[in-house]
Amino acid sequence: MEPIFINKLKHSKEIYIEINKTYSKTSRLIISLLILTVYLALALFFYFYYYEIITAVLLGIIGIVFSFYPTARIYIFAKRKEKQFIELYDTVPECETVFYDEYLFSVGITSKEELNINYTKIKKVKQSKNLYLLILGNKIVVMVDKNRFEKGTCEEFEEFIKNKAVNAKIRL
């Protein structure tokens, strides 16, 4: 069977930052606002109820700093992931995904397991600046780099995935 698309993805730190920014944008914003609201409410409580200006200022500063944690966590995770890959493989691994008419084929990075995935198993398709994320389930994602198609083009792939992933919520 002849492949329709061939895509290579290098698992670099930049790719993992982009994945996490795309995948968790809403939850990251909600968590940041919740942390900031709680600490600022505590700061106002200490200021108006106990007249503790120093405690109120410290709680406000801590709230502002901690509200950046969900975003900082993305960069920490990406750096850690790249470091793990370099320790294991002495380089940043590259994964090839091949798209056939009825299924997509990929080899797992860590397990080297061959994956044949039917297009009907794709639940969501998201797009970021340089990636397509084919989400199969909870935290199971097939990543496709827009700039590294060896066979086919990015525009052709969009049309192809819209036609094949009939059960997916597509956001392109």
Protein backbone atom coordinates (compact mmCIF):
# COMPACT_ATOMS: atom_id res chain seq x y z
CA MET A 1 0.00 0.00 0.00
CA GLU A 2 1.34 3.39 -0.98
CA PRO A 3 1.50 6.08 1.77
CA ILE A 4 -0.42 9.29 1.17
CA PHE A 5 1.55 11.45 3.63
CA ILE A 6 4.87 10.98 5.40
CA ASN A 7 5.76 13.31 8.26
CA LYS A 8 8.83 13.51 10.49
CA LEU A 9 8.77 15.17 13.89
CA LYS A 10 11.80 16.04 15.97
CA HIS A 11 10.92 15.86 19.68
CA SER A 12 12.65 19.05 20.76
CA LYS A 13 11.99 21.37 23.68
CA GLU A 14 10.25 23.87 21.38
CA ILE A 15 7.80 21.21 20.19
CA TYR A 16 6.84 20.25 23.75
CA ILE A 17 6.36 23.89 24.71
CA GLU A 18 4.05 24.38 21.73
CA ILE A 19 2.11 21.19 22.49
CA ASN A 20 1.48 22.14 26.11
CA LYS A 21 0.55 25.72 25.24
CA THR A 22 -1.99 24.48 22.70
CA TYR A 23 -3.31 21.55 24.72
CA SER A 24 -3.82 23.30 28.06
CA LYS A 25 -4.50 26.94 27.21
CA THR A 26 -7.90 27.23 28.97
CA SER A 27 -7.05 25.23 32.07
CA ARG A 28 -3.79 27.13 32.52
CA LEU A 29 -5.63 30.46 32.42
CA ILE A 30 -8.31 29.29 34.86
CA ILE A 31 -5.76 27.96 37.35
CA SER A 32 -3.69 31.16 37.16
CA LEU A 33 -6.73 33.36 37.74
CA LEU A 34 -7.91 31.16 40.61
CA ILE A 35 -4.53 31.33 42.36
CA LEU A 36 -4.34 35.09 41.87
CA THR A 37 -7.91 35.61 43.12
CA VAL A 38 -7.39 33.53 46.27
CA TYR A 39 -4.16 35.29 47.23
CA LEU A 40 -5.50 38.75 46.48
CA ALA A 41 -8.65 38.00 48.49
CA LEU A 42 -6.47 36.91 51.40
CA ALA A 43 -4.38 40.06 51.01
CA LEU A 44 -7.49 42.26 51.10
CA PHE A 45 -8.83 40.32 54.09
CA PHE A 46 -5.64 40.86 56.09
CA TYR A 47 -5.48 44.51 55.08
CA PHE A 48 -9.07 45.46 55.93
CA TYR A 49 -9.77 43.06 58.80
CA TYR A 50 -6.45 43.00 60.68
CA TYR A 51 -4.84 46.18 59.25
CA GLU A 52 -1.75 44.11 58.43
CA ILE A 53 -0.20 46.01 55.56
CA ILE A 54 3.01 43.95 55.38
CA THR A 55 1.13 40.63 55.35
CA ALA A 56 -1.30 41.94 52.73
CA VAL A 57 1.53 43.13 50.48
CA LEU A 58 3.41 39.83 50.88
CA LEU A 59 0.29 37.81 50.07
CA GLY A 60 -0.34 39.97 47.01
CA ILE A 61 3.23 39.48 45.78
CA ILE A 62 3.08 35.73 46.45
CA GLY A 63 -0.23 35.54 44.57
CA ILE A 64 1.20 37.31 41.55
CA VAL A 65 4.32 35.10 41.53
CA PHE A 66 2.36 31.85 42.00
CA SER A 67 -0.10 32.79 39.26
CA PHE A 68 2.78 32.46 36.77
CA TYR A 69 3.52 28.89 37.91
CA PRO A 70 1.21 27.10 35.41
CA THR A 71 2.97 28.85 32.53
CA ALA A 72 6.45 28.29 33.97
CA ARG A 73 5.59 24.62 34.44
CA ILE A 74 5.31 24.23 30.65
CA TYR A 75 8.89 25.39 30.14
CA ILE A 76 10.18 23.27 33.02
CA PHE A 77 8.44 20.16 31.64
CA ALA A 78 9.75 20.75 28.11
CA LYS A 79 13.32 21.22 29.29
CA ARG A 80 13.11 18.10 31.46
CA LYS A 81 11.67 16.04 28.58
CA GLU A 82 14.44 17.11 26.20
CA LYS A 83 17.07 16.35 28.85
CA GLN A 84 15.59 12.84 29.34
CA PHE A 85 15.72 12.16 25.60
CA ILE A 86 19.33 13.32 25.37
CA GLU A 87 20.30 11.11 28.33
CA LEU A 88 18.52 8.08 26.85
CA TYR A 89 19.34 8.44 23.16
CA ASP A 90 22.29 10.91 23.12
CA THR A 91 20.22 13.05 20.77
CA VAL A 92 16.74 14.45 20.34
CA PRO A 93 14.72 11.61 18.74
CA GLU A 94 12.87 11.91 15.49
CA CYS A 95 9.58 10.13 14.90
CA GLU A 96 8.08 9.28 11.52
CA THR A 97 4.33 9.09 11.02
CA VAL A 98 2.99 7.57 7.81
CA PHE A 99 -0.60 8.17 6.72
CA TYR A 100 -2.27 5.53 4.59
CA ASP A 101 -5.78 5.57 3.18
CA GLU A 102 -7.34 3.54 6.04
CA TYR A 103 -5.00 4.13 9.01
CA LEU A 104 -1.94 5.98 10.23
CA PHE A 105 1.27 4.20 11.20
CA SER A 106 3.80 5.39 13.75
CA VAL A 107 6.53 3.91 15.90
CA GLY A 108 6.61 4.84 19.59
CA ILE A 109 9.71 6.72 20.70
CA THR A 110 10.35 5.01 23.99
CA SER A 111 8.74 1.61 23.49
CA LYS A 112 9.54 1.24 19.76
CA GLU A 113 6.06 -0.26 19.47
CA GLU A 114 4.44 -0.06 16.06
CA LEU A 115 1.09 1.71 16.18
CA ASN A 116 -1.62 1.28 13.54
CA ILE A 117 -4.35 3.77 14.36
CA ASN A 118 -7.66 3.91 12.53
CA TYR A 119 -8.85 7.43 11.73
CA THR A 120 -12.18 6.82 13.48
CA LYS A 121 -10.31 6.68 16.83
CA ILE A 122 -9.29 10.34 16.53
CA LYS A 123 -11.42 12.38 18.96
CA LYS A 124 -10.08 15.91 18.27
CA VAL A 125 -7.81 17.64 15.82
CA LYS A 126 -6.15 20.85 17.02
CA GLN A 127 -3.77 23.15 15.26
CA SER A 128 -0.97 25.31 16.61
CA LYS A 129 1.60 27.46 14.87
CA ASN A 130 3.80 24.56 13.71
CA LEU A 131 1.85 21.43 14.66
CA TYR A 132 -1.30 19.44 14.17
CA LEU A 133 -2.36 17.52 17.27
CA LEU A 134 -4.43 14.40 16.60
CA ILE A 135 -5.93 13.63 20.01
CA LEU A 136 -6.98 10.01 20.43
CA GLY A 137 -8.05 10.03 24.06
CA ASN A 138 -7.03 11.32 27.42
CA LYS A 139 -3.42 12.51 27.02
CA ILE A 140 -2.80 10.35 23.91
CA VAL A 141 -1.67 12.62 21.10
CA VAL A 142 -0.16 12.02 17.67
CA MET A 143 1.88 15.07 16.68
CA VAL A 144 2.32 16.14 13.06
CA ASP A 145 4.83 18.85 12.16
CA LYS A 146 3.45 21.25 9.53
CA ASN A 147 6.89 22.04 8.14
CA ARG A 148 8.29 18.51 7.81
CA PHE A 149 6.11 16.67 5.32
CA GLU A 150 8.26 14.41 3.15
CA LYS A 151 5.31 13.39 1.04
CA GLY A 152 2.29 15.64 0.60
CA THR A 153 1.70 19.20 1.75
CA CYS A 154 0.18 20.85 4.77
CA GLU A 155 -2.93 22.00 2.88
CA GLU A 156 -3.53 18.55 1.41
CA PHE A 157 -3.16 17.03 4.87
CA GLU A 158 -5.83 19.36 6.31
CA GLU A 159 -8.33 18.26 3.67
CA PHE A 160 -7.36 14.62 4.11
CA ILE A 161 -7.80 14.63 7.90
CA LYS A 162 -11.13 16.48 7.63
CA ASN A 163 -12.43 13.72 5.37
CA LYS A 164 -10.96 10.75 7.26
CA ALA A 165 -11.45 11.72 10.92
CA VAL A 166 -15.24 11.72 10.77
CA ASN A 167 -15.72 11.29 14.55
CA ALA A 168 -13.33 14.11 15.47
CA LYS A 169 -14.00 17.66 16.59
CA ILE A 170 -11.79 19.51 14.16
CA ARG A 171 -10.38 22.95 15.00
CA LEU A 172 -8.20 23.99 12.08
